[in-house]
Amino acid sequence: MATPIPAHITGTVWKIEVKVGDAVDENGVVVILESMKMEMPVEAPAAGTVTVIHCAEGQAVNEGDVLVTLG
């Protein structure tokens, strides 16, 4: 079952910490967002394997936008 990981804030994708095929633990950091000069980690809600990365570094995202999907 696919697990989408959405942005929890509106901001800019500062760094993508994973690549397709990576195994991610529950609460593992997948993306770091920057908002108002603060870095906010986005964590996986469950363990899984990265199947799709929906964002790029430097991209502006809104709260709720899916950043990564785990399979």
PDB file of N, CA and C in Angstrom:
ATOM      1  N   MET A   1       0.829  -1.180   0.000  1.00  0.00           N
ATOM      2  CA  MET A   1       0.000   0.000   0.000  1.00  0.00           C
ATOM      3  C   MET A   1       0.879   1.252   0.000  1.00  0.00           C
ATOM      4  N   ALA A   2       0.576   2.188  -0.860  1.00  0.00           N
ATOM      5  CA  ALA A   2       1.373   3.407  -0.972  1.00  0.00           C
ATOM      6  C   ALA A   2       1.088   4.343   0.199  1.00  0.00           C
ATOM      7  N   THR A   3       2.141   4.966   0.711  1.00  0.00           N
ATOM      8  CA  THR A   3       2.018   5.924   1.799  1.00  0.00           C
ATOM      9  C   THR A   3       2.524   7.277   1.317  1.00  0.00           C
ATOM     10  N   PRO A   4       1.623   8.233   1.074  1.00  0.00           N
ATOM     11  CA  PRO A   4       2.075   9.570   0.673  1.00  0.00           C
ATOM     12  C   PRO A   4       2.591  10.343   1.886  1.00  0.00           C
ATOM     13  N   ILE A   5       3.641  11.115   1.683  1.00  0.00           N
ATOM     14  CA  ILE A   5       4.177  11.955   2.748  1.00  0.00           C
ATOM     15  C   ILE A   5       4.002  13.406   2.306  1.00  0.00           C
ATOM     16  N   PRO A   6       3.053  14.115   2.931  1.00  0.00           N
ATOM     17  CA  PRO A   6       2.782  15.500   2.527  1.00  0.00           C
ATOM     18  C   PRO A   6       3.639  16.514   3.290  1.00  0.00           C
ATOM     19  N   ALA A   7       3.738  17.704   2.732  1.00  0.00           N
ATOM     20  CA  ALA A   7       4.376  18.819   3.430  1.00  0.00           C
ATOM     21  C   ALA A   7       3.471  19.249   4.574  1.00  0.00           C
ATOM     22  N   HIS A   8       4.034  19.505   5.729  1.00  0.00           N
ATOM     23  CA  HIS A   8       3.240  19.947   6.879  1.00  0.00           C
ATOM     24  C   HIS A   8       3.225  21.468   7.014  1.00  0.00           C
ATOM     25  N   ILE A   9       4.018  22.143   6.173  1.00  0.00           N
ATOM     26  CA  ILE A   9       4.044  23.606   6.148  1.00  0.00           C
ATOM     27  C   ILE A   9       4.215  24.065   4.701  1.00  0.00           C
ATOM     28  N   THR A  10       3.909  25.325   4.445  1.00  0.00           N
ATOM     29  CA  THR A  10       4.211  25.931   3.158  1.00  0.00           C
ATOM     30  C   THR A  10       5.644  26.437   3.232  1.00  0.00           C
ATOM     31  N   GLY A  11       6.435  26.136   2.213  1.00  0.00           N
ATOM     32  CA  GLY A  11       7.826  26.561   2.225  1.00  0.00           C
ATOM     33  C   GLY A  11       8.535  26.148   0.953  1.00  0.00           C
ATOM     34  N   THR A  12       9.844  26.012   1.058  1.00  0.00           N
ATOM     35  CA  THR A  12      10.687  25.628  -0.072  1.00  0.00           C
ATOM     36  C   THR A  12      11.409  24.335   0.274  1.00  0.00           C
ATOM     37  N   VAL A  13      11.510  23.431  -0.701  1.00  0.00           N
ATOM     38  CA  VAL A  13      12.262  22.189  -0.493  1.00  0.00           C
ATOM     39  C   VAL A  13      13.731  22.570  -0.420  1.00  0.00           C
ATOM     40  N   TRP A  14      14.319  22.429   0.754  1.00  0.00           N
ATOM     41  CA  TRP A  14      15.717  22.796   0.950  1.00  0.00           C
ATOM     42  C   TRP A  14      16.634  21.625   0.588  1.00  0.00           C
ATOM     43  N   LYS A  15      16.267  20.424   1.033  1.00  0.00           N
ATOM     44  CA  LYS A  15      17.099  19.249   0.746  1.00  0.00           C
ATOM     45  C   LYS A  15      16.243  17.995   0.726  1.00  0.00           C
ATOM     46  N   ILE A  16      16.488  17.143  -0.261  1.00  0.00           N
ATOM     47  CA  ILE A  16      15.837  15.835  -0.330  1.00  0.00           C
ATOM     48  C   ILE A  16      16.836  14.825   0.225  1.00  0.00           C
ATOM     49  N   GLU A  17      16.443  14.132   1.283  1.00  0.00           N
ATOM     50  CA  GLU A  17      17.357  13.240   1.998  1.00  0.00           C
ATOM     51  C   GLU A  17      17.333  11.797   1.491  1.00  0.00           C
ATOM     52  N   VAL A  18      16.435  11.469   0.563  1.00  0.00           N
ATOM     53  CA  VAL A  18      16.289  10.094   0.085  1.00  0.00           C
ATOM     54  C   VAL A  18      16.292  10.072  -1.435  1.00  0.00           C
ATOM     55  N   LYS A  19      16.430   8.873  -1.986  1.00  0.00           N
ATOM     56  CA  LYS A  19      16.275   8.677  -3.430  1.00  0.00           C
ATOM     57  C   LYS A  19      15.387   7.461  -3.654  1.00  0.00           C
ATOM     58  N   VAL A  20      14.873   7.327  -4.864  1.00  0.00           N
ATOM     59  CA  VAL A  20      13.990   6.208  -5.184  1.00  0.00           C
ATOM     60  C   VAL A  20      14.730   4.895  -4.902  1.00  0.00           C
ATOM     61  N   GLY A  21      14.043   3.997  -4.210  1.00  0.00           N
ATOM     62  CA  GLY A  21      14.621   2.700  -3.858  1.00  0.00           C
ATOM     63  C   GLY A  21      15.172   2.638  -2.440  1.00  0.00           C
ATOM     64  N   ASP A  22      15.332   3.796  -1.802  1.00  0.00           N
ATOM     65  CA  ASP A  22      15.843   3.818  -0.423  1.00  0.00           C
ATOM     66  C   ASP A  22      14.816   3.246   0.545  1.00  0.00           C
ATOM     67  N   ALA A  23      15.302   2.500   1.523  1.00  0.00           N
ATOM     68  CA  ALA A  23      14.449   2.044   2.623  1.00  0.00           C
ATOM     69  C   ALA A  23      14.429   3.145   3.671  1.00  0.00           C
ATOM     70  N   VAL A  24      13.247   3.446   4.188  1.00  0.00           N
ATOM     71  CA  VAL A  24      13.084   4.507   5.179  1.00  0.00           C
ATOM     72  C   VAL A  24      12.434   3.917   6.423  1.00  0.00           C
ATOM     73  N   ASP A  25      12.980   4.243   7.584  1.00  0.00           N
ATOM     74  CA  ASP A  25      12.389   3.812   8.851  1.00  0.00           C
ATOM     75  C   ASP A  25      11.263   4.756   9.249  1.00  0.00           C
ATOM     76  N   GLU A  26      10.364   4.279  10.087  1.00  0.00           N
ATOM     77  CA  GLU A  26       9.336   5.153  10.638  1.00  0.00           C
ATOM     78  C   GLU A  26      10.021   6.317  11.343  1.00  0.00           C
ATOM     79  N   ASN A  27       9.538   7.516  11.111  1.00  0.00           N
ATOM     80  CA  ASN A  27      10.086   8.761  11.653  1.00  0.00           C
ATOM     81  C   ASN A  27      11.425   9.155  11.039  1.00  0.00           C
ATOM     82  N   GLY A  28      11.845   8.478   9.965  1.00  0.00           N
ATOM     83  CA  GLY A  28      13.054   8.866   9.259  1.00  0.00           C
ATOM     84  C   GLY A  28      12.801  10.140   8.457  1.00  0.00           C
ATOM     85  N   VAL A  29      13.800  11.016   8.389  1.00  0.00           N
ATOM     86  CA  VAL A  29      13.662  12.279   7.662  1.00  0.00           C
ATOM     87  C   VAL A  29      13.800  12.010   6.163  1.00  0.00           C
ATOM     88  N   VAL A  30      12.811  12.465   5.381  1.00  0.00           N
ATOM     89  CA  VAL A  30      12.845  12.266   3.930  1.00  0.00           C
ATOM     90  C   VAL A  30      13.140  13.564   3.180  1.00  0.00           C
ATOM     91  N   VAL A  31      12.654  14.683   3.707  1.00  0.00           N
ATOM     92  CA  VAL A  31      12.843  15.986   3.069  1.00  0.00           C
ATOM     93  C   VAL A  31      13.018  17.026   4.171  1.00  0.00           C
ATOM     94  N   ILE A  32      13.799  18.065   3.870  1.00  0.00           N
ATOM     95  CA  ILE A  32      13.902  19.197   4.775  1.00  0.00           C
ATOM     96  C   ILE A  32      13.324  20.408   4.051  1.00  0.00           C
ATOM     97  N   LEU A  33      12.324  21.021   4.691  1.00  0.00           N
ATOM     98  CA  LEU A  33      11.701  22.214   4.133  1.00  0.00           C
ATOM     99  C   LEU A  33      12.268  23.445   4.838  1.00  0.00           C
ATOM    100  N   GLU A  34      12.315  24.552   4.104  1.00  0.00           N
ATOM    101  CA  GLU A  34      12.743  25.821   4.677  1.00  0.00           C
ATOM    102  C   GLU A  34      11.563  26.773   4.622  1.00  0.00           C
ATOM    103  N   SER A  35      11.279  27.381   5.755  1.00  0.00           N
ATOM    104  CA  SER A  35      10.203  28.355   5.828  1.00  0.00           C
ATOM    105  C   SER A  35      10.598  29.426   6.837  1.00  0.00           C
ATOM    106  N   MET A  36      10.568  30.659   6.436  1.00  0.00           N
ATOM    107  CA  MET A  36      10.930  31.779   7.304  1.00  0.00           C
ATOM    108  C   MET A  36      12.299  31.566   7.942  1.00  0.00           C
ATOM    109  N   LYS A  37      13.258  31.120   7.137  1.00  0.00           N
ATOM    110  CA  LYS A  37      14.649  30.902   7.545  1.00  0.00           C
ATOM    111  C   LYS A  37      14.821  29.814   8.597  1.00  0.00           C
ATOM    112  N   MET A  38      13.797  28.941   8.730  1.00  0.00           N
ATOM    113  CA  MET A  38      13.899  27.799   9.640  1.00  0.00           C
ATOM    114  C   MET A  38      13.835  26.519   8.830  1.00  0.00           C
ATOM    115  N   GLU A  39      14.644  25.544   9.194  1.00  0.00           N
ATOM    116  CA  GLU A  39      14.636  24.246   8.537  1.00  0.00           C
ATOM    117  C   GLU A  39      13.710  23.311   9.308  1.00  0.00           C
ATOM    118  N   MET A  40      12.765  22.704   8.570  1.00  0.00           N
ATOM    119  CA  MET A  40      11.783  21.819   9.186  1.00  0.00           C
ATOM    120  C   MET A  40      11.869  20.438   8.540  1.00  0.00           C
ATOM    121  N   PRO A  41      12.250  19.411   9.294  1.00  0.00           N
ATOM    122  CA  PRO A  41      12.299  18.068   8.713  1.00  0.00           C
ATOM    123  C   PRO A  41      10.900  17.498   8.485  1.00  0.00           C
ATOM    124  N   VAL A  42      10.756  16.765   7.386  1.00  0.00           N
ATOM    125  CA  VAL A  42       9.518  16.035   7.099  1.00  0.00           C
ATOM    126  C   VAL A  42       9.845  14.560   7.314  1.00  0.00           C
ATOM    127  N   GLU A  43       9.111  13.918   8.209  1.00  0.00           N
ATOM    128  CA  GLU A  43       9.406  12.546   8.601  1.00  0.00           C
ATOM    129  C   GLU A  43       8.395  11.569   8.023  1.00  0.00           C
ATOM    130  N   ALA A  44       8.845  10.347   7.793  1.00  0.00           N
ATOM    131  CA  ALA A  44       7.973   9.286   7.290  1.00  0.00           C
ATOM    132  C   ALA A  44       7.042   8.825   8.407  1.00  0.00           C
ATOM    133  N   PRO A  45       5.740   8.705   8.134  1.00  0.00           N
ATOM    134  CA  PRO A  45       4.805   8.238   9.160  1.00  0.00           C
ATOM    135  C   PRO A  45       4.903   6.736   9.415  1.00  0.00           C
ATOM    136  N   ALA A  46       5.540   6.017   8.482  1.00  0.00           N
ATOM    137  CA  ALA A  46       5.688   4.566   8.602  1.00  0.00           C
ATOM    138  C   ALA A  46       6.943   4.150   7.834  1.00  0.00           C
ATOM    139  N   ALA A  47       7.432   2.957   8.110  1.00  0.00           N
ATOM    140  CA  ALA A  47       8.575   2.432   7.370  1.00  0.00           C
ATOM    141  C   ALA A  47       8.129   2.030   5.964  1.00  0.00           C
ATOM    142  N   GLY A  48       9.043   2.110   5.018  1.00  0.00           N
ATOM    143  CA  GLY A  48       8.726   1.710   3.653  1.00  0.00           C
ATOM    144  C   GLY A  48       9.890   1.988   2.724  1.00  0.00           C
ATOM    145  N   THR A  49       9.650   1.798   1.433  1.00  0.00           N
ATOM    146  CA  THR A  49      10.652   2.043   0.407  1.00  0.00           C
ATOM    147  C   THR A  49      10.178   3.199  -0.460  1.00  0.00           C
ATOM    148  N   VAL A  50      11.074   4.135  -0.735  1.00  0.00           N
ATOM    149  CA  VAL A  50      10.729   5.290  -1.559  1.00  0.00           C
ATOM    150  C   VAL A  50      10.429   4.814  -2.981  1.00  0.00           C
ATOM    151  N   THR A  51       9.215   5.112  -3.457  1.00  0.00           N
ATOM    152  CA  THR A  51       8.833   4.724  -4.816  1.00  0.00           C
ATOM    153  C   THR A  51       8.782   5.913  -5.763  1.00  0.00           C
ATOM    154  N   VAL A  52       8.397   7.093  -5.243  1.00  0.00           N
ATOM    155  CA  VAL A  52       8.315   8.295  -6.075  1.00  0.00           C
ATOM    156  C   VAL A  52       8.727   9.505  -5.248  1.00  0.00           C
ATOM    157  N   ILE A  53       9.511  10.384  -5.869  1.00  0.00           N
ATOM    158  CA  ILE A  53       9.810  11.688  -5.278  1.00  0.00           C
ATOM    159  C   ILE A  53       9.088  12.716  -6.127  1.00  0.00           C
ATOM    160  N   HIS A  54       8.173  13.470  -5.505  1.00  0.00           N
ATOM    161  CA  HIS A  54       7.300  14.384  -6.238  1.00  0.00           C
ATOM    162  C   HIS A  54       7.795  15.825  -6.240  1.00  0.00           C
ATOM    163  N   CYS A  55       8.973  16.077  -5.677  1.00  0.00           N
ATOM    164  CA  CYS A  55       9.453  17.446  -5.559  1.00  0.00           C
ATOM    165  C   CYS A  55      10.917  17.526  -5.972  1.00  0.00           C
ATOM    166  N   ALA A  56      11.407  18.746  -6.084  1.00  0.00           N
ATOM    167  CA  ALA A  56      12.814  18.994  -6.418  1.00  0.00           C
ATOM    168  C   ALA A  56      13.357  20.031  -5.448  1.00  0.00           C
ATOM    169  N   GLU A  57      14.667  19.980  -5.191  1.00  0.00           N
ATOM    170  CA  GLU A  57      15.273  20.967  -4.316  1.00  0.00           C
ATOM    171  C   GLU A  57      15.076  22.361  -4.910  1.00  0.00           C
ATOM    172  N   GLY A  58      14.692  23.303  -4.070  1.00  0.00           N
ATOM    173  CA  GLY A  58      14.437  24.662  -4.509  1.00  0.00           C
ATOM    174  C   GLY A  58      12.988  24.929  -4.893  1.00  0.00           C
ATOM    175  N   GLN A  59      12.181  23.877  -4.961  1.00  0.00           N
ATOM    176  CA  GLN A  59      10.779  24.009  -5.359  1.00  0.00           C
ATOM    177  C   GLN A  59       9.935  24.544  -4.198  1.00  0.00           C
ATOM    178  N   ALA A  60       9.041  25.471  -4.506  1.00  0.00           N
ATOM    179  CA  ALA A  60       8.082  25.958  -3.506  1.00  0.00           C
ATOM    180  C   ALA A  60       6.948  24.944  -3.397  1.00  0.00           C
ATOM    181  N   VAL A  61       6.549  24.644  -2.159  1.00  0.00           N
ATOM    182  CA  VAL A  61       5.455  23.696  -1.929  1.00  0.00           C
ATOM    183  C   VAL A  61       4.468  24.296  -0.938  1.00  0.00           C
ATOM    184  N   ASN A  62       3.239  23.838  -1.028  1.00  0.00           N
ATOM    185  CA  ASN A  62       2.189  24.266  -0.108  1.00  0.00           C
ATOM    186  C   ASN A  62       1.911  23.181   0.914  1.00  0.00           C
ATOM    187  N   GLU A  63       1.384  23.564   2.039  1.00  0.00           N
ATOM    188  CA  GLU A  63       0.981  22.587   3.053  1.00  0.00           C
ATOM    189  C   GLU A  63       0.027  21.589   2.407  1.00  0.00           C
ATOM    190  N   GLY A  64       0.283  20.305   2.592  1.00  0.00           N
ATOM    191  CA  GLY A  64      -0.558  19.255   2.029  1.00  0.00           C
ATOM    192  C   GLY A  64      -0.057  18.671   0.722  1.00  0.00           C
ATOM    193  N   ASP A  65       0.868  19.362   0.025  1.00  0.00           N
ATOM    194  CA  ASP A  65       1.433  18.817  -1.212  1.00  0.00           C
ATOM    195  C   ASP A  65       2.206  17.526  -0.890  1.00  0.00           C
ATOM    196  N   VAL A  66       2.016  16.497  -1.695  1.00  0.00           N
ATOM    197  CA  VAL A  66       2.745  15.248  -1.480  1.00  0.00           C
ATOM    198  C   VAL A  66       4.172  15.417  -1.968  1.00  0.00           C
ATOM    199  N   LEU A  67       5.129  15.122  -1.092  1.00  0.00           N
ATOM    200  CA  LEU A  67       6.540  15.275  -1.406  1.00  0.00           C
ATOM    201  C   LEU A  67       7.177  13.958  -1.841  1.00  0.00           C
ATOM    202  N   VAL A  68       6.844  12.893  -1.147  1.00  0.00           N
ATOM    203  CA  VAL A  68       7.434  11.566  -1.381  1.00  0.00           C
ATOM    204  C   VAL A  68       6.341  10.527  -1.178  1.00  0.00           C
ATOM    205  N   THR A  69       6.410   9.432  -1.945  1.00  0.00           N
ATOM    206  CA  THR A  69       5.513   8.304  -1.735  1.00  0.00           C
ATOM    207  C   THR A  69       6.347   7.081  -1.383  1.00  0.00           C
ATOM    208  N   LEU A  70       5.927   6.391  -0.325  1.00  0.00           N
ATOM    209  CA  LEU A  70       6.563   5.137   0.078  1.00  0.00           C
ATOM    210  C   LEU A  70       5.694   3.985  -0.383  1.00  0.00           C
ATOM    211  N   GLY A  71       6.345   2.886  -0.785  1.00  0.00           N
ATOM    212  CA  GLY A  71       5.608   1.704  -1.205  1.00  0.00           C
ATOM    213  C   GLY A  71       5.738   0.608  -0.180  1.00  0.00           C
TER     214      GLY A  71
END
